[in-house]
Amino acid sequence: VAPTSVHRSLDHNIDIVQPWPPMNSLNRFADPVYCITRLIVGLLFASHGGQKILGFPPGGHGAEGAMMVTGGWIELVCGILIAVGLLTRPAAFVASGEMAVAYFMVHAHGGFFPIQNHGESAVFYCWFFFFAIFYGAGNWSIDSMIGKGKAIAATAPA
């Protein structure tokens, strides 16, 4: 039996049981790991747009038609914005929506399961960006630096 700890919830009269308290020590790394993940996923997403729009990195199929060009620009611009953490929530909203559209317009007709219709990356990107809409940029981001600057300016004496 794994050791547990019981904490009283502040806003409810219920006990919250947390399994194995030593794992809680990893909580301090949650934001830095999220920010590194946001950087990597954003750059990978931007590389899909780069292949469509710029032909770089090599190996892409280019963009044929207005929807592919539009999708390529969304991937390139939103991927870079998400990677550096600038306008993260709006960029993630647009990117998540684009991936949902891509899945249902391109992949879903190939079968029910994403592994069957080759839509795994579209599903992953859609849900990661959907999460980023709610989590935000994190502390290691341009959004965070801008926010700190406003807080300092707001508290500085006149």
Protein backbone atom coordinates (compact mmCIF):
# COMPACT_ATOMS: atom_id res chain seq x y z
CA VAL A 1 0.00 0.00 0.00
CA ALA A 2 1.44 3.37 -1.05
CA PRO A 3 1.65 6.01 1.68
CA THR A 4 -0.89 8.81 1.39
CA SER A 5 -1.48 12.17 2.97
CA VAL A 6 -4.83 13.76 3.72
CA HIS A 7 -5.40 17.49 3.33
CA ARG A 8 -8.52 19.43 4.22
CA SER A 9 -9.83 21.41 1.26
CA LEU A 10 -10.17 25.12 2.06
CA ASP A 11 -13.33 25.72 0.07
CA HIS A 12 -15.11 22.44 0.71
CA ASN A 13 -15.57 20.17 3.68
CA ILE A 14 -13.93 17.23 1.98
CA ASP A 15 -10.64 15.51 2.46
CA ILE A 16 -8.25 15.41 -0.48
CA VAL A 17 -6.12 12.29 -0.49
CA GLN A 18 -2.80 12.72 -2.26
CA PRO A 19 -0.95 9.50 -2.99
CA TRP A 20 2.71 9.33 -2.18
CA PRO A 21 3.63 12.83 -0.90
CA PRO A 22 7.30 12.58 -1.98
CA MET A 23 6.12 13.03 -5.57
CA ASN A 24 4.84 16.48 -4.57
CA SER A 25 8.45 17.65 -4.57
CA LEU A 26 8.28 17.57 -8.36
CA ASN A 27 5.60 20.29 -8.37
CA ARG A 28 8.27 22.99 -8.31
CA PHE A 29 9.41 21.84 -11.75
CA ALA A 30 5.94 21.90 -13.33
CA ASP A 31 6.15 25.39 -14.83
CA PRO A 32 9.74 25.14 -16.16
CA VAL A 33 8.99 21.75 -17.73
CA TYR A 34 5.77 23.13 -19.24
CA CYS A 35 7.69 26.11 -20.68
CA ILE A 36 10.32 23.84 -22.22
CA THR A 37 7.55 21.65 -23.64
CA ARG A 38 5.76 24.74 -24.99
CA LEU A 39 9.00 25.81 -26.70
CA ILE A 40 9.60 22.40 -28.30
CA VAL A 41 5.99 21.86 -29.40
CA GLY A 42 5.79 25.42 -30.76
CA LEU A 43 8.96 24.97 -32.81
CA LEU A 44 7.78 21.59 -34.13
CA PHE A 45 4.46 23.18 -35.11
CA ALA A 46 6.27 26.10 -36.80
CA SER A 47 8.39 23.62 -38.76
CA HIS A 48 5.22 22.24 -40.37
CA GLY A 49 4.32 25.75 -41.50
CA GLY A 50 7.91 26.36 -42.62
CA GLN A 51 7.76 23.30 -44.87
CA LYS A 52 4.53 24.51 -46.46
CA ILE A 53 5.47 28.19 -46.86
CA LEU A 54 9.27 28.37 -47.01
CA GLY A 55 10.18 24.88 -48.19
CA PHE A 56 12.32 24.59 -45.06
CA PRO A 57 13.06 22.31 -43.32
CA PRO A 58 13.39 20.04 -46.35
CA GLY A 59 11.16 17.04 -46.82
CA GLY A 60 7.79 18.77 -46.86
CA HIS A 61 5.24 18.65 -49.63
CA GLY A 62 4.62 22.39 -49.97
CA ALA A 63 1.26 24.08 -49.89
CA GLU A 64 -1.25 23.51 -52.67
CA GLY A 65 -4.33 25.66 -52.58
CA ALA A 66 -5.48 28.55 -50.46
CA MET A 67 -6.40 26.44 -47.42
CA MET A 68 -2.96 24.84 -47.27
CA VAL A 69 -1.25 28.22 -47.61
CA THR A 70 -3.47 29.67 -44.87
CA GLY A 71 -2.79 26.66 -42.68
CA GLY A 72 0.94 26.97 -43.32
CA TRP A 73 0.97 30.61 -42.24
CA ILE A 74 -1.06 29.79 -39.12
CA GLU A 75 1.38 27.00 -38.25
CA LEU A 76 4.46 29.13 -38.86
CA VAL A 77 3.31 32.29 -37.07
CA CYS A 78 1.40 30.68 -34.20
CA GLY A 79 4.15 28.09 -33.70
CA ILE A 80 6.77 30.81 -33.26
CA LEU A 81 4.50 32.87 -30.98
CA ILE A 82 3.74 29.84 -28.81
CA ALA A 83 7.40 28.79 -28.72
CA VAL A 84 8.59 32.14 -27.36
CA GLY A 85 5.50 32.68 -25.23
CA LEU A 86 4.21 35.83 -26.90
CA LEU A 87 0.43 36.24 -27.24
CA THR A 88 0.33 32.60 -26.23
CA ARG A 89 -3.37 32.24 -25.47
CA PRO A 90 -4.67 33.83 -28.71
CA ALA A 91 -2.06 31.95 -30.77
CA ALA A 92 -2.95 28.67 -29.06
CA PHE A 93 -6.66 29.31 -29.69
CA VAL A 94 -6.06 29.80 -33.42
CA ALA A 95 -3.63 26.87 -33.64
CA SER A 96 -5.96 24.51 -31.76
CA GLY A 97 -8.83 25.46 -34.03
CA GLU A 98 -6.71 24.98 -37.12
CA MET A 99 -5.73 21.49 -36.00
CA ALA A 100 -9.35 20.57 -35.26
CA VAL A 101 -10.32 21.72 -38.76
CA ALA A 102 -7.34 19.86 -40.27
CA TYR A 103 -8.31 16.66 -38.48
CA PHE A 104 -11.94 16.68 -39.54
CA MET A 105 -11.33 17.90 -43.09
CA VAL A 106 -8.23 15.87 -43.95
CA HIS A 107 -7.90 12.90 -41.62
CA ALA A 108 -11.30 11.82 -40.25
CA HIS A 109 -12.54 10.38 -43.55
CA GLY A 110 -9.70 7.83 -43.41
CA GLY A 111 -11.18 5.95 -40.46
CA PHE A 112 -12.38 6.47 -36.92
CA PHE A 113 -9.09 6.11 -35.05
CA PRO A 114 -6.33 8.73 -35.40
CA ILE A 115 -3.70 6.00 -35.73
CA GLN A 116 -5.69 4.59 -38.63
CA ASN A 117 -6.23 7.89 -40.47
CA HIS A 118 -2.75 9.36 -39.75
CA GLY A 119 -4.23 12.18 -37.70
CA GLU A 120 -2.27 11.59 -34.45
CA SER A 121 -0.21 14.75 -34.75
CA ALA A 122 -3.28 16.87 -35.52
CA VAL A 123 -5.05 15.48 -32.44
CA PHE A 124 -1.96 15.99 -30.27
CA TYR A 125 -1.40 19.57 -31.41
CA CYS A 126 -5.10 20.39 -31.06
CA TRP A 127 -5.26 19.18 -27.45
CA PHE A 128 -1.87 20.59 -26.42
CA PHE A 129 -2.81 24.02 -27.73
CA PHE A 130 -6.26 23.73 -26.14
CA PHE A 131 -4.50 23.12 -22.80
CA ALA A 132 -2.20 26.11 -23.45
CA ILE A 133 -5.24 28.37 -23.89
CA PHE A 134 -6.10 27.74 -20.25
CA TYR A 135 -2.60 27.38 -18.76
CA GLY A 136 -1.13 30.39 -20.52
CA ALA A 137 2.49 31.02 -21.38
CA GLY A 138 4.12 30.12 -18.07
CA ASN A 139 6.83 32.02 -16.23
CA TRP A 140 9.55 31.52 -18.85
CA SER A 141 7.91 33.56 -21.60
CA ILE A 142 7.74 36.98 -23.18
CA ASP A 143 4.14 37.27 -21.96
CA SER A 144 5.40 36.84 -18.39
CA MET A 145 8.17 39.41 -18.85
CA ILE A 146 5.69 41.92 -20.26
CA GLY A 147 3.31 41.26 -17.37
CA LYS A 148 6.09 41.77 -14.81
CA GLY A 149 7.03 45.06 -16.44
CA LYS A 150 3.45 46.30 -16.14
CA ALA A 151 3.30 45.23 -12.51
CA ILE A 152 6.52 47.11 -11.75
CA ALA A 153 5.29 50.20 -13.62
CA ALA A 154 1.97 50.08 -11.78
CA THR A 155 3.63 49.94 -8.33
CA ALA A 156 6.41 52.46 -9.02
CA PRO A 157 5.97 55.79 -7.23
CA ALA A 158 4.98 58.70 -9.45
